[in-house]
Amino acid sequence: MMRGLYAITPNLKDTAEFLGKVEQALQGGAAILQYRNKQADAALRLEQARALRALTKQYGACLIINDDVQLAVQVGADGVHLGGEDGDLIEARARLSQGMLLGASCYNDLALAHAAVAAGVDYVAFGAVFASGTKPEARRASLELIKQARAEITLPIVAIGGITPHNAAQVVAAGADCVAVIGALFESGNIRQTAERFAELF
């Protein structure tokens, strides 16, 4: 069952610095790690994803690859996450090895979430719950939407967008199984301590 802090990696080309930050998040209790690096080329993505596979195994965390089914299969990740425009979910489900997780971004659209469930996803993500520094233009998904999704969908629900240690409790109370965080975690002064604050909510 997916539950807890869902950390999404920052865009860093320096692999040593990148892994150092990620390890601090894992030490703090991140349960799920999504590899998302839009600045890296294919070779660097493979290098970083392989290193993350080893690191997440060491800490007993789940590794999800963003928007790249081939890379997820190649490094033996636990799953892949696709956005609404990131490819066909049914096709992705067919390409994934048995037991691999498939997640989908559903933004603020419950109909999209129900379609994703029908396509065979293992979890759905909604956001931005609050104003997001990472994606300022993102559509907003209210706490009421999270509550409604919780009432209608039995799969794990991930909430993303502007979530901080100060507002995360209300997101969990609304029904989110995971809070997905980038900036509030990796741009904080103490990544491990911040991860612990999120993890304590679960």
N, C-alpha and C. Protein backbone atom coordinates (compact mmCIF):
# COMPACT_ATOMS: atom_id res chain seq x y z
N MET A 1 0.85 -1.20 0.00
CA MET A 1 0.00 0.00 0.00
C MET A 1 0.88 1.25 0.00
N MET A 2 0.63 2.12 -0.93
CA MET A 2 1.39 3.38 -0.99
C MET A 2 0.89 4.34 0.08
N ARG A 3 1.79 4.75 0.95
CA ARG A 3 1.41 5.73 1.97
C ARG A 3 2.66 6.42 2.50
N GLY A 4 2.59 7.74 2.63
CA GLY A 4 3.72 8.46 3.22
C GLY A 4 4.21 9.60 2.35
N LEU A 5 5.43 10.01 2.65
CA LEU A 5 6.07 11.10 1.90
C LEU A 5 6.52 10.59 0.54
N TYR A 6 6.07 11.26 -0.51
CA TYR A 6 6.39 10.93 -1.90
C TYR A 6 7.31 12.05 -2.39
N ALA A 7 8.61 11.80 -2.34
CA ALA A 7 9.60 12.82 -2.71
C ALA A 7 9.86 12.78 -4.20
N ILE A 8 9.85 13.94 -4.84
CA ILE A 8 10.16 14.04 -6.27
C ILE A 8 11.50 14.75 -6.41
N THR A 9 12.40 14.13 -7.16
CA THR A 9 13.79 14.61 -7.20
C THR A 9 13.91 15.98 -7.86
N PRO A 10 14.91 16.75 -7.43
CA PRO A 10 15.18 18.05 -8.05
C PRO A 10 15.96 17.87 -9.36
N ASN A 11 15.98 18.92 -10.18
CA ASN A 11 16.76 18.90 -11.43
C ASN A 11 18.22 19.24 -11.12
N LEU A 12 19.06 18.24 -11.02
CA LEU A 12 20.48 18.45 -10.75
C LEU A 12 21.31 17.56 -11.67
N LYS A 13 22.29 18.15 -12.34
CA LYS A 13 23.16 17.37 -13.22
C LYS A 13 24.34 16.76 -12.47
N ASP A 14 24.72 17.36 -11.33
CA ASP A 14 25.82 16.84 -10.52
C ASP A 14 25.29 15.64 -9.74
N THR A 15 25.65 14.43 -10.19
CA THR A 15 25.08 13.22 -9.61
C THR A 15 25.44 13.05 -8.14
N ALA A 16 26.66 13.40 -7.75
CA ALA A 16 27.06 13.27 -6.35
C ALA A 16 26.20 14.17 -5.45
N GLU A 17 26.01 15.42 -5.88
CA GLU A 17 25.18 16.35 -5.11
C GLU A 17 23.73 15.86 -5.09
N PHE A 18 23.27 15.41 -6.24
CA PHE A 18 21.91 14.89 -6.41
C PHE A 18 21.65 13.73 -5.44
N LEU A 19 22.56 12.76 -5.43
CA LEU A 19 22.37 11.58 -4.58
C LEU A 19 22.48 11.93 -3.11
N GLY A 20 23.33 12.89 -2.79
CA GLY A 20 23.47 13.33 -1.41
C GLY A 20 22.16 13.90 -0.87
N LYS A 21 21.51 14.72 -1.69
CA LYS A 21 20.23 15.31 -1.29
C LYS A 21 19.15 14.24 -1.16
N VAL A 22 19.11 13.33 -2.13
CA VAL A 22 18.11 12.27 -2.11
C VAL A 22 18.30 11.37 -0.89
N GLU A 23 19.54 11.05 -0.57
CA GLU A 23 19.79 10.17 0.58
C GLU A 23 19.30 10.82 1.88
N GLN A 24 19.46 12.12 1.99
CA GLN A 24 18.96 12.82 3.18
C GLN A 24 17.43 12.67 3.30
N ALA A 25 16.74 12.76 2.16
CA ALA A 25 15.28 12.59 2.16
C ALA A 25 14.91 11.17 2.58
N LEU A 26 15.65 10.19 2.08
CA LEU A 26 15.39 8.79 2.43
C LEU A 26 15.69 8.54 3.91
N GLN A 27 16.76 9.14 4.41
CA GLN A 27 17.09 9.01 5.83
C GLN A 27 15.99 9.59 6.70
N GLY A 28 15.33 10.62 6.19
CA GLY A 28 14.24 11.27 6.93
C GLY A 28 12.92 10.54 6.85
N GLY A 29 12.85 9.50 6.01
CA GLY A 29 11.64 8.69 5.97
C GLY A 29 10.80 8.77 4.72
N ALA A 30 11.35 9.31 3.62
CA ALA A 30 10.59 9.30 2.36
C ALA A 30 10.27 7.85 1.98
N ALA A 31 9.00 7.56 1.76
CA ALA A 31 8.57 6.20 1.45
C ALA A 31 8.64 5.90 -0.04
N ILE A 32 8.43 6.94 -0.83
CA ILE A 32 8.42 6.81 -2.29
C ILE A 32 9.30 7.90 -2.87
N LEU A 33 10.06 7.54 -3.88
CA LEU A 33 10.91 8.52 -4.55
C LEU A 33 10.61 8.48 -6.04
N GLN A 34 10.24 9.63 -6.59
CA GLN A 34 10.02 9.71 -8.04
C GLN A 34 11.22 10.40 -8.68
N TYR A 35 11.83 9.70 -9.64
CA TYR A 35 12.95 10.30 -10.37
C TYR A 35 12.40 11.13 -11.51
N ARG A 36 12.66 12.43 -11.42
CA ARG A 36 12.20 13.37 -12.44
C ARG A 36 13.31 14.40 -12.64
N ASN A 37 14.00 14.31 -13.76
CA ASN A 37 15.07 15.27 -14.03
C ASN A 37 14.95 15.71 -15.48
N LYS A 38 14.28 16.83 -15.69
CA LYS A 38 14.00 17.31 -17.05
C LYS A 38 15.23 17.93 -17.72
N GLN A 39 16.31 18.15 -16.96
CA GLN A 39 17.51 18.77 -17.52
C GLN A 39 18.56 17.74 -17.96
N ALA A 40 18.37 16.49 -17.59
CA ALA A 40 19.38 15.47 -17.87
C ALA A 40 19.17 14.83 -19.24
N ASP A 41 20.28 14.49 -19.90
CA ASP A 41 20.18 13.74 -21.15
C ASP A 41 19.99 12.25 -20.83
N ALA A 42 19.84 11.44 -21.87
CA ALA A 42 19.51 10.02 -21.67
C ALA A 42 20.58 9.28 -20.87
N ALA A 43 21.85 9.56 -21.16
CA ALA A 43 22.94 8.88 -20.47
C ALA A 43 22.95 9.23 -18.98
N LEU A 44 22.76 10.51 -18.67
CA LEU A 44 22.75 10.94 -17.27
C LEU A 44 21.52 10.39 -16.55
N ARG A 45 20.40 10.37 -17.24
CA ARG A 45 19.18 9.82 -16.63
C ARG A 45 19.38 8.35 -16.26
N LEU A 46 20.03 7.60 -17.14
CA LEU A 46 20.28 6.19 -16.86
C LEU A 46 21.23 6.04 -15.67
N GLU A 47 22.28 6.84 -15.65
CA GLU A 47 23.25 6.80 -14.55
C GLU A 47 22.58 7.13 -13.22
N GLN A 48 21.80 8.21 -13.20
CA GLN A 48 21.16 8.62 -11.96
C GLN A 48 20.07 7.64 -11.53
N ALA A 49 19.32 7.13 -12.49
CA ALA A 49 18.25 6.18 -12.15
C ALA A 49 18.82 4.89 -11.57
N ARG A 50 19.93 4.41 -12.14
CA ARG A 50 20.57 3.20 -11.60
C ARG A 50 21.05 3.43 -10.17
N ALA A 51 21.64 4.60 -9.93
CA ALA A 51 22.12 4.92 -8.59
C ALA A 51 20.95 5.03 -7.61
N LEU A 52 19.85 5.60 -8.07
CA LEU A 52 18.66 5.72 -7.22
C LEU A 52 18.05 4.36 -6.91
N ARG A 53 18.13 3.45 -7.87
CA ARG A 53 17.61 2.10 -7.62
C ARG A 53 18.35 1.45 -6.46
N ALA A 54 19.68 1.59 -6.46
CA ALA A 54 20.49 1.02 -5.37
C ALA A 54 20.17 1.71 -4.05
N LEU A 55 20.03 3.02 -4.09
CA LEU A 55 19.81 3.81 -2.87
C LEU A 55 18.43 3.52 -2.28
N THR A 56 17.41 3.46 -3.12
CA THR A 56 16.06 3.20 -2.61
C THR A 56 15.95 1.78 -2.05
N LYS A 57 16.65 0.83 -2.65
CA LYS A 57 16.66 -0.53 -2.10
C LYS A 57 17.30 -0.53 -0.72
N GLN A 58 18.38 0.22 -0.58
CA GLN A 58 19.10 0.31 0.69
C GLN A 58 18.18 0.81 1.81
N TYR A 59 17.30 1.76 1.47
CA TYR A 59 16.43 2.36 2.47
C TYR A 59 15.01 1.79 2.47
N GLY A 60 14.77 0.79 1.64
CA GLY A 60 13.45 0.18 1.61
C GLY A 60 12.36 1.07 1.06
N ALA A 61 12.75 1.98 0.16
CA ALA A 61 11.78 2.91 -0.44
C ALA A 61 11.41 2.46 -1.85
N CYS A 62 10.29 2.95 -2.32
CA CYS A 62 9.77 2.63 -3.64
C CYS A 62 10.32 3.63 -4.66
N LEU A 63 10.83 3.15 -5.80
CA LEU A 63 11.35 4.03 -6.85
C LEU A 63 10.38 4.08 -8.03
N ILE A 64 9.93 5.29 -8.32
CA ILE A 64 9.05 5.54 -9.47
C ILE A 64 9.80 6.42 -10.46
N ILE A 65 9.73 6.08 -11.74
CA ILE A 65 10.36 6.89 -12.79
C ILE A 65 9.29 7.75 -13.46
N ASN A 66 9.58 9.02 -13.64
CA ASN A 66 8.64 9.93 -14.28
C ASN A 66 8.74 9.84 -15.80
N ASP A 67 7.62 9.57 -16.45
CA ASP A 67 7.49 9.79 -17.89
C ASP A 67 8.45 8.99 -18.75
N ASP A 68 8.86 7.78 -18.32
CA ASP A 68 9.80 6.99 -19.14
C ASP A 68 9.66 5.51 -18.79
N VAL A 69 8.75 4.83 -19.48
CA VAL A 69 8.50 3.41 -19.23
C VAL A 69 9.76 2.59 -19.49
N GLN A 70 10.45 2.90 -20.58
CA GLN A 70 11.65 2.14 -20.95
C GLN A 70 12.71 2.21 -19.85
N LEU A 71 12.95 3.41 -19.33
CA LEU A 71 13.95 3.59 -18.28
C LEU A 71 13.53 2.85 -17.01
N ALA A 72 12.25 2.90 -16.68
CA ALA A 72 11.75 2.21 -15.49
C ALA A 72 12.01 0.71 -15.57
N VAL A 73 11.73 0.13 -16.73
CA VAL A 73 11.96 -1.30 -16.93
C VAL A 73 13.46 -1.61 -16.92
N GLN A 74 14.24 -0.74 -17.57
CA GLN A 74 15.68 -0.94 -17.70
C GLN A 74 16.40 -1.00 -16.35
N VAL A 75 16.00 -0.13 -15.42
CA VAL A 75 16.71 -0.09 -14.13
C VAL A 75 16.00 -0.92 -13.06
N GLY A 76 14.90 -1.56 -13.42
CA GLY A 76 14.18 -2.37 -12.44
C GLY A 76 13.49 -1.54 -11.38
N ALA A 77 12.95 -0.39 -11.79
CA ALA A 77 12.22 0.48 -10.86
C ALA A 77 10.94 -0.21 -10.40
N ASP A 78 10.34 0.35 -9.36
CA ASP A 78 9.08 -0.21 -8.86
C ASP A 78 7.89 0.23 -9.69
N GLY A 79 8.07 1.29 -10.48
CA GLY A 79 6.96 1.75 -11.28
C GLY A 79 7.28 2.98 -12.09
N VAL A 80 6.26 3.49 -12.77
CA VAL A 80 6.41 4.67 -13.62
C VAL A 80 5.21 5.59 -13.39
N HIS A 81 5.46 6.89 -13.51
CA HIS A 81 4.39 7.88 -13.36
C HIS A 81 4.25 8.64 -14.67
N LEU A 82 3.03 8.73 -15.16
CA LEU A 82 2.77 9.43 -16.41
C LEU A 82 1.82 10.61 -16.17
N GLY A 83 2.08 11.70 -16.87
CA GLY A 83 1.17 12.84 -16.85
C GLY A 83 0.06 12.59 -17.85
N GLY A 84 -0.90 13.49 -17.86
CA GLY A 84 -2.02 13.34 -18.78
C GLY A 84 -1.60 13.28 -20.23
N GLU A 85 -0.45 13.90 -20.56
CA GLU A 85 0.03 13.93 -21.94
C GLU A 85 1.26 13.03 -22.14
N ASP A 86 1.55 12.20 -21.16
CA ASP A 86 2.80 11.44 -21.20
C ASP A 86 2.70 10.08 -21.87
N GLY A 87 1.68 9.85 -22.63
CA GLY A 87 1.59 8.56 -23.31
C GLY A 87 0.36 7.81 -22.84
N ASP A 88 0.01 6.82 -23.58
CA ASP A 88 -1.20 6.06 -23.33
C ASP A 88 -1.04 5.13 -22.12
N LEU A 89 -1.92 5.25 -21.16
CA LEU A 89 -1.81 4.45 -19.93
C LEU A 89 -1.98 2.96 -20.19
N ILE A 90 -2.89 2.61 -21.07
CA ILE A 90 -3.12 1.19 -21.37
C ILE A 90 -1.88 0.59 -22.02
N GLU A 91 -1.26 1.34 -22.94
CA GLU A 91 -0.03 0.87 -23.59
C GLU A 91 1.09 0.73 -22.56
N ALA A 92 1.19 1.70 -21.67
CA ALA A 92 2.22 1.65 -20.62
C ALA A 92 2.02 0.44 -19.72
N ARG A 93 0.79 0.20 -19.34
CA ARG A 93 0.46 -0.95 -18.48
C ARG A 93 0.93 -2.24 -19.14
N ALA A 94 0.74 -2.34 -20.44
CA ALA A 94 1.13 -3.55 -21.17
C ALA A 94 2.65 -3.71 -21.23
N ARG A 95 3.38 -2.59 -21.25
CA ARG A 95 4.85 -2.65 -21.36
C ARG A 95 5.54 -2.88 -20.03
N LEU A 96 4.87 -2.61 -18.94
CA LEU A 96 5.49 -2.76 -17.62
C LEU A 96 5.54 -4.22 -17.20
N SER A 97 6.60 -4.57 -16.51
CA SER A 97 6.73 -5.92 -15.98
C SER A 97 5.65 -6.16 -14.93
N GLN A 98 5.32 -7.42 -14.72
CA GLN A 98 4.30 -7.76 -13.73
C GLN A 98 4.71 -7.24 -12.35
N GLY A 99 3.77 -6.64 -11.67
CA GLY A 99 4.06 -6.14 -10.33
C GLY A 99 4.53 -4.70 -10.29
N MET A 100 4.88 -4.13 -11.45
CA MET A 100 5.31 -2.73 -11.47
C MET A 100 4.10 -1.80 -11.35
N LEU A 101 4.32 -0.69 -10.66
CA LEU A 101 3.24 0.27 -10.41
C LEU A 101 3.11 1.26 -11.56
N LEU A 102 1.89 1.69 -11.80
CA LEU A 102 1.62 2.73 -12.79
C LEU A 102 0.78 3.81 -12.13
N GLY A 103 1.30 5.04 -12.15
CA GLY A 103 0.57 6.17 -11.59
C GLY A 103 0.27 7.19 -12.65
N ALA A 104 -0.75 8.00 -12.42
CA ALA A 104 -1.15 9.00 -13.42
C ALA A 104 -1.49 10.32 -12.76
N SER A 105 -1.04 11.40 -13.38
CA SER A 105 -1.43 12.75 -12.96
C SER A 105 -2.84 13.02 -13.48
N CYS A 106 -3.72 13.42 -12.58
CA CYS A 106 -5.10 13.70 -12.97
C CYS A 106 -5.47 15.16 -12.74
N TYR A 107 -4.49 15.96 -12.34
CA TYR A 107 -4.65 17.41 -12.18
C TYR A 107 -5.81 17.72 -11.23
N ASN A 108 -6.87 18.34 -11.75
CA ASN A 108 -8.04 18.61 -10.90
C ASN A 108 -9.29 18.00 -11.54
N ASP A 109 -9.11 16.85 -12.19
CA ASP A 109 -10.14 16.27 -13.05
C ASP A 109 -10.51 14.87 -12.57
N LEU A 110 -11.65 14.76 -11.90
CA LEU A 110 -12.10 13.45 -11.40
C LEU A 110 -12.43 12.49 -12.53
N ALA A 111 -12.96 13.01 -13.64
CA ALA A 111 -13.27 12.15 -14.78
C ALA A 111 -12.00 11.51 -15.33
N LEU A 112 -10.93 12.30 -15.37
CA LEU A 112 -9.63 11.78 -15.82
C LEU A 112 -9.15 10.69 -14.87
N ALA A 113 -9.38 10.89 -13.59
CA ALA A 113 -8.98 9.89 -12.59
C ALA A 113 -9.74 8.58 -12.78
N HIS A 114 -11.04 8.68 -13.01
CA HIS A 114 -11.83 7.46 -13.23
C HIS A 114 -11.39 6.74 -14.50
N ALA A 115 -11.05 7.51 -15.54
CA ALA A 115 -10.54 6.90 -16.79
C ALA A 115 -9.20 6.22 -16.54
N ALA A 116 -8.36 6.83 -15.71
CA ALA A 116 -7.06 6.24 -15.39
C ALA A 116 -7.23 4.94 -14.61
N VAL A 117 -8.18 4.94 -13.69
CA VAL A 117 -8.47 3.72 -12.93
C VAL A 117 -8.91 2.61 -13.88
N ALA A 118 -9.77 2.95 -14.82
CA ALA A 118 -10.26 1.98 -15.80
C ALA A 118 -9.13 1.47 -16.69
N ALA A 119 -8.10 2.30 -16.90
CA ALA A 119 -6.96 1.91 -17.74
C ALA A 119 -5.97 1.03 -16.99
N GLY A 120 -6.17 0.88 -15.68
CA GLY A 120 -5.33 -0.06 -14.93
C GLY A 120 -4.23 0.56 -14.09
N VAL A 121 -4.36 1.84 -13.74
CA VAL A 121 -3.33 2.45 -12.90
C VAL A 121 -3.42 1.91 -11.47
N ASP A 122 -2.33 2.13 -10.72
CA ASP A 122 -2.27 1.68 -9.33
C ASP A 122 -2.48 2.82 -8.34
N TYR A 123 -2.30 4.05 -8.81
CA TYR A 123 -2.59 5.22 -7.98
C TYR A 123 -2.86 6.41 -8.87
N VAL A 124 -3.53 7.41 -8.30
CA VAL A 124 -3.82 8.64 -9.05
C VAL A 124 -3.29 9.83 -8.25
N ALA A 125 -2.86 10.86 -8.97
CA ALA A 125 -2.31 12.06 -8.34
C ALA A 125 -3.14 13.27 -8.73
N PHE A 126 -3.40 14.13 -7.75
CA PHE A 126 -4.15 15.37 -7.97
C PHE A 126 -3.32 16.56 -7.53
N GLY A 127 -3.45 17.67 -8.25
CA GLY A 127 -2.76 18.89 -7.87
C GLY A 127 -2.83 19.90 -9.00
N ALA A 128 -2.46 21.13 -8.69
CA ALA A 128 -1.78 21.57 -7.48
C ALA A 128 -2.79 21.91 -6.38
N VAL A 129 -2.55 21.34 -5.20
CA VAL A 129 -3.45 21.58 -4.08
C VAL A 129 -3.32 23.02 -3.59
N PHE A 130 -2.07 23.49 -3.52
CA PHE A 130 -1.79 24.88 -3.16
C PHE A 130 -0.95 25.50 -4.28
N ALA A 131 -0.74 26.79 -4.22
CA ALA A 131 0.10 27.45 -5.23
C ALA A 131 1.49 26.81 -5.21
N SER A 132 1.98 26.45 -6.39
CA SER A 132 3.24 25.71 -6.50
C SER A 132 4.36 26.57 -7.05
N GLY A 133 5.50 26.55 -6.38
CA GLY A 133 6.67 27.26 -6.88
C GLY A 133 7.29 26.54 -8.06
N THR A 134 7.14 25.20 -8.09
CA THR A 134 7.72 24.40 -9.18
C THR A 134 6.93 24.60 -10.47
N LYS A 135 5.60 24.62 -10.35
CA LYS A 135 4.74 24.81 -11.52
C LYS A 135 3.71 25.90 -11.21
N PRO A 136 4.11 27.17 -11.31
CA PRO A 136 3.21 28.28 -10.94
C PRO A 136 1.92 28.31 -11.75
N GLU A 137 1.98 27.77 -12.98
CA GLU A 137 0.81 27.83 -13.87
C GLU A 137 -0.12 26.64 -13.70
N ALA A 138 0.20 25.74 -12.79
CA ALA A 138 -0.56 24.50 -12.65
C ALA A 138 -2.01 24.75 -12.25
N ARG A 139 -2.89 23.91 -12.79
CA ARG A 139 -4.30 23.96 -12.39
C ARG A 139 -4.41 23.61 -10.91
N ARG A 140 -5.41 24.16 -10.24
CA ARG A 140 -5.55 23.94 -8.80
C ARG A 140 -6.58 22.84 -8.50
N ALA A 141 -6.21 21.95 -7.60
CA ALA A 141 -7.10 20.89 -7.13
C ALA A 141 -7.38 21.14 -5.66
N SER A 142 -8.61 21.46 -5.32
CA SER A 142 -8.95 21.85 -3.95
C SER A 142 -8.93 20.66 -3.00
N LEU A 143 -8.91 20.96 -1.71
CA LEU A 143 -9.03 19.91 -0.70
C LEU A 143 -10.38 19.22 -0.82
N GLU A 144 -11.40 19.95 -1.24
CA GLU A 144 -12.72 19.35 -1.46
C GLU A 144 -12.66 18.30 -2.56
N LEU A 145 -11.87 18.58 -3.60
CA LEU A 145 -11.71 17.60 -4.68
C LEU A 145 -11.03 16.34 -4.14
N ILE A 146 -10.02 16.51 -3.29
CA ILE A 146 -9.34 15.36 -2.69
C ILE A 146 -10.35 14.53 -1.88
N LYS A 147 -11.19 15.21 -1.12
CA LYS A 147 -12.22 14.52 -0.32
C LYS A 147 -13.18 13.75 -1.22
N GLN A 148 -13.59 14.39 -2.32
CA GLN A 148 -14.52 13.74 -3.25
C GLN A 148 -13.86 12.54 -3.91
N ALA A 149 -12.59 12.70 -4.30
CA ALA A 149 -11.85 11.59 -4.91
C ALA A 149 -11.74 10.42 -3.93
N ARG A 150 -11.48 10.75 -2.66
CA ARG A 150 -11.35 9.71 -1.64
C ARG A 150 -12.66 8.93 -1.50
N ALA A 151 -13.78 9.62 -1.62
CA ALA A 151 -15.09 8.98 -1.50
C ALA A 151 -15.39 8.07 -2.69
N GLU A 152 -14.81 8.39 -3.85
CA GLU A 152 -15.16 7.68 -5.09
C GLU A 152 -14.12 6.67 -5.54
N ILE A 153 -12.87 6.83 -5.09
CA ILE A 153 -11.77 6.02 -5.62
C ILE A 153 -11.10 5.25 -4.49
N THR A 154 -10.95 3.94 -4.68
CA THR A 154 -10.36 3.11 -3.62
C THR A 154 -8.84 3.02 -3.73
N LEU A 155 -8.28 3.37 -4.88
CA LEU A 155 -6.82 3.32 -5.05
C LEU A 155 -6.14 4.42 -4.24
N PRO A 156 -4.84 4.27 -3.97
CA PRO A 156 -4.10 5.33 -3.28
C PRO A 156 -4.18 6.66 -4.04
N ILE A 157 -4.27 7.74 -3.27
CA ILE A 157 -4.34 9.09 -3.82
C ILE A 157 -3.10 9.87 -3.39
N VAL A 158 -2.43 10.45 -4.38
CA VAL A 158 -1.26 11.30 -4.13
C VAL A 158 -1.69 12.75 -4.37
N ALA A 159 -1.34 13.63 -3.44
CA ALA A 159 -1.61 15.06 -3.61
C ALA A 159 -0.29 15.78 -3.81
N ILE A 160 -0.29 16.77 -4.70
CA ILE A 160 0.94 17.49 -5.03
C ILE A 160 0.64 18.97 -5.22
N GLY A 161 1.64 19.79 -5.04
CA GLY A 161 1.51 21.21 -5.36
C GLY A 161 1.48 22.11 -4.15
N GLY A 162 2.61 22.76 -3.87
CA GLY A 162 2.67 23.74 -2.80
C GLY A 162 2.52 23.17 -1.40
N ILE A 163 2.73 21.87 -1.26
CA ILE A 163 2.56 21.23 0.06
C ILE A 163 3.83 21.43 0.89
N THR A 164 3.63 21.88 2.12
CA THR A 164 4.73 22.14 3.05
C THR A 164 4.45 21.42 4.37
N PRO A 165 5.43 21.37 5.28
CA PRO A 165 5.15 20.77 6.59
C PRO A 165 4.04 21.51 7.35
N HIS A 166 3.77 22.76 6.98
CA HIS A 166 2.76 23.55 7.68
C HIS A 166 1.34 23.27 7.19
N ASN A 167 1.18 22.83 5.94
CA ASN A 167 -0.18 22.60 5.43
C ASN A 167 -0.46 21.14 5.08
N ALA A 168 0.53 20.27 5.23
CA ALA A 168 0.38 18.87 4.79
C ALA A 168 -0.67 18.11 5.59
N ALA A 169 -0.82 18.42 6.87
CA ALA A 169 -1.77 17.67 7.71
C ALA A 169 -3.19 17.77 7.17
N GLN A 170 -3.57 18.94 6.67
CA GLN A 170 -4.94 19.09 6.15
C GLN A 170 -5.13 18.31 4.84
N VAL A 171 -4.05 18.11 4.11
CA VAL A 171 -4.12 17.32 2.87
C VAL A 171 -4.33 15.84 3.21
N VAL A 172 -3.60 15.37 4.21
CA VAL A 172 -3.76 13.98 4.67
C VAL A 172 -5.16 13.79 5.26
N ALA A 173 -5.63 14.77 6.01
CA ALA A 173 -6.97 14.69 6.60
C ALA A 173 -8.06 14.65 5.53
N ALA A 174 -7.80 15.27 4.39
CA ALA A 174 -8.78 15.27 3.29
C ALA A 174 -8.86 13.91 2.59
N GLY A 175 -7.84 13.07 2.82
CA GLY A 175 -7.90 11.72 2.26
C GLY A 175 -6.71 11.30 1.43
N ALA A 176 -5.68 12.15 1.33
CA ALA A 176 -4.50 11.78 0.54
C ALA A 176 -3.69 10.71 1.27
N ASP A 177 -3.26 9.69 0.53
CA ASP A 177 -2.40 8.65 1.08
C ASP A 177 -0.94 9.07 1.06
N CYS A 178 -0.61 9.95 0.13
CA CYS A 178 0.77 10.44 -0.01
C CYS A 178 0.75 11.94 -0.27
N VAL A 179 1.77 12.63 0.24
CA VAL A 179 1.98 14.02 -0.17
C VAL A 179 3.26 14.05 -0.99
N ALA A 180 3.15 14.57 -2.20
CA ALA A 180 4.29 14.65 -3.11
C ALA A 180 4.91 16.03 -3.01
N VAL A 181 6.23 16.05 -2.81
CA VAL A 181 6.92 17.30 -2.51
C VAL A 181 8.23 17.39 -3.28
N ILE A 182 8.52 18.57 -3.81
CA ILE A 182 9.83 18.84 -4.44
C ILE A 182 10.50 19.97 -3.66
N GLY A 183 10.06 21.21 -3.93
CA GLY A 183 10.73 22.39 -3.40
C GLY A 183 10.76 22.47 -1.89
N ALA A 184 9.62 22.20 -1.24
CA ALA A 184 9.56 22.33 0.22
C ALA A 184 10.48 21.35 0.91
N LEU A 185 10.89 20.31 0.20
CA LEU A 185 11.81 19.32 0.75
C LEU A 185 13.25 19.62 0.35
N PHE A 186 13.51 19.64 -0.95
CA PHE A 186 14.90 19.72 -1.43
C PHE A 186 15.49 21.12 -1.38
N GLU A 187 14.65 22.13 -1.21
CA GLU A 187 15.17 23.50 -1.06
C GLU A 187 15.14 23.95 0.40
N SER A 188 14.83 23.04 1.30
CA SER A 188 14.80 23.38 2.72
C SER A 188 16.22 23.36 3.28
N GLY A 189 16.40 24.01 4.40
CA GLY A 189 17.73 24.09 5.01
C GLY A 189 18.24 22.76 5.51
N ASN A 190 17.31 21.88 5.91
CA ASN A 190 17.68 20.57 6.43
C ASN A 190 16.74 19.53 5.83
N ILE A 191 17.20 18.88 4.77
CA ILE A 191 16.34 17.96 4.02
C ILE A 191 15.86 16.80 4.89
N ARG A 192 16.78 16.21 5.64
CA ARG A 192 16.40 15.06 6.47
C ARG A 192 15.34 15.45 7.50
N GLN A 193 15.55 16.56 8.17
CA GLN A 193 14.62 17.01 9.19
C GLN A 193 13.25 17.34 8.59
N THR A 194 13.26 17.97 7.42
CA THR A 194 12.00 18.29 6.75
C THR A 194 11.27 17.01 6.35
N ALA A 195 12.00 16.03 5.84
CA ALA A 195 11.39 14.74 5.48
C ALA A 195 10.77 14.08 6.70
N GLU A 196 11.45 14.17 7.83
CA GLU A 196 10.91 13.60 9.07
C GLU A 196 9.59 14.26 9.46
N ARG A 197 9.51 15.57 9.26
CA ARG A 197 8.28 16.29 9.61
C ARG A 197 7.11 15.83 8.74
N PHE A 198 7.38 15.60 7.46
CA PHE A 198 6.33 15.07 6.57
C PHE A 198 5.98 13.63 6.97
N ALA A 199 7.00 12.81 7.19
CA ALA A 199 6.78 11.38 7.47
C ALA A 199 5.99 11.16 8.76
N GLU A 200 6.13 12.07 9.71
CA GLU A 200 5.42 11.95 11.00
C GLU A 200 3.91 12.03 10.84
N LEU A 201 3.44 12.52 9.70
CA LEU A 201 2.01 12.67 9.48
C LEU A 201 1.33 11.35 9.14
N PHE A 202 2.13 10.33 8.86
CA PHE A 202 1.56 9.05 8.40
C PHE A 202 1.74 7.94 9.42
